Amino acid sequence: MDRLEELFRLVEEACGHPPGSLERQKRLTQIIRLTSGKLWKESSPFYQDALQQTWLYFCRNLCESTTGQAYDPKLGSIVTWLNVYLRRRLQDFYRNQQRQQARTISTNFSQSRSGEDAEILDPVDNLAAEPDAPPILEEIRSWVETDSDGELSCSHIQGRPDVTCQVLILKRLPPEVGWKELSIEFGLSVSTLSSFYQRQCLPRMRKFAEKEGYL
C-alpha cells in the first residue's frame, strides 16, 4: 500500500469514528505523522503559529465542516488541502505584520522632530534589517535607488548638491548610519542634516508610502 492509499484509508477510518473519540484521535495523529514532512516550509517568524492553526483546522474540518469547508478527496490530496490553508494563514500573518509596520511609519512620521540632541524617528526605524527585510523596505529602497523622476536626487541641502534626499534616505535605511557619523562624513551639523531630512525627505517617503497603500 503506497502513502496515498494509506492516507485515504486513514481518513475513511478517522471519519468513521465520532468527533473527539480516541479512535479518531489515533488516526488523526497517524495522518499528521505521514503528512507533516510534505507541508510547505519557510523560515518566517510566524511559521510555527500558522502551522499550529493549520493542524487545528485539519482536526476540526477533516470530516465535518466545523470552522471551514470539510476536506473533499475529489479536489486533491490531504497535503494539497493543508498547504493551501497553511499558505493562506501565512499571508494573513504577513498582512498583519505589514499593517503594524504601516502604523509604526504613520506614528513615527507624526512624532518626528529635529534637533541635535533629539531622537530622530524614521519611518523605517522599526522595520527588520536585511536579509529578512519586509517588502515595504525593499520597495522603498528600490524607489529611492531608481528615482525615476529625479526628484530625490534633485532635492539637496543648499550649497551641497552631493547631500540629496536620495543619498540620505539610503543612508538611513536599515542598517542605518547614525546622524553623528553622517555629520562627520558630510562635514555638516546633525541639526542641519536632520532638519533637511525631515522637511524634504520624510514627506516624500510618506507620499510614496501612501501611494503604495502602506499608510
Foldseek 3Di string as FASTA:
>chain_A
DDLQVVLVVLLVQLLVDDQPDPRNVVSLVVNCVSQVVVEDDDDDPCLVVLVVVLSVCCSQACNHQRPHHHDDVVVHGPRVVSNVSSVVVVVVVLVVVLLVLLVQLVVLLVVADFDQPDDGGHSQPPADAPPVGDVLLVVVLVCLVPVVVCPFQCAAQVPCSPHTLSVQVVCCHPVHDDLVVVCVVVVHGSRSNSVSCSVPNSVVSVVVCVVVPSD
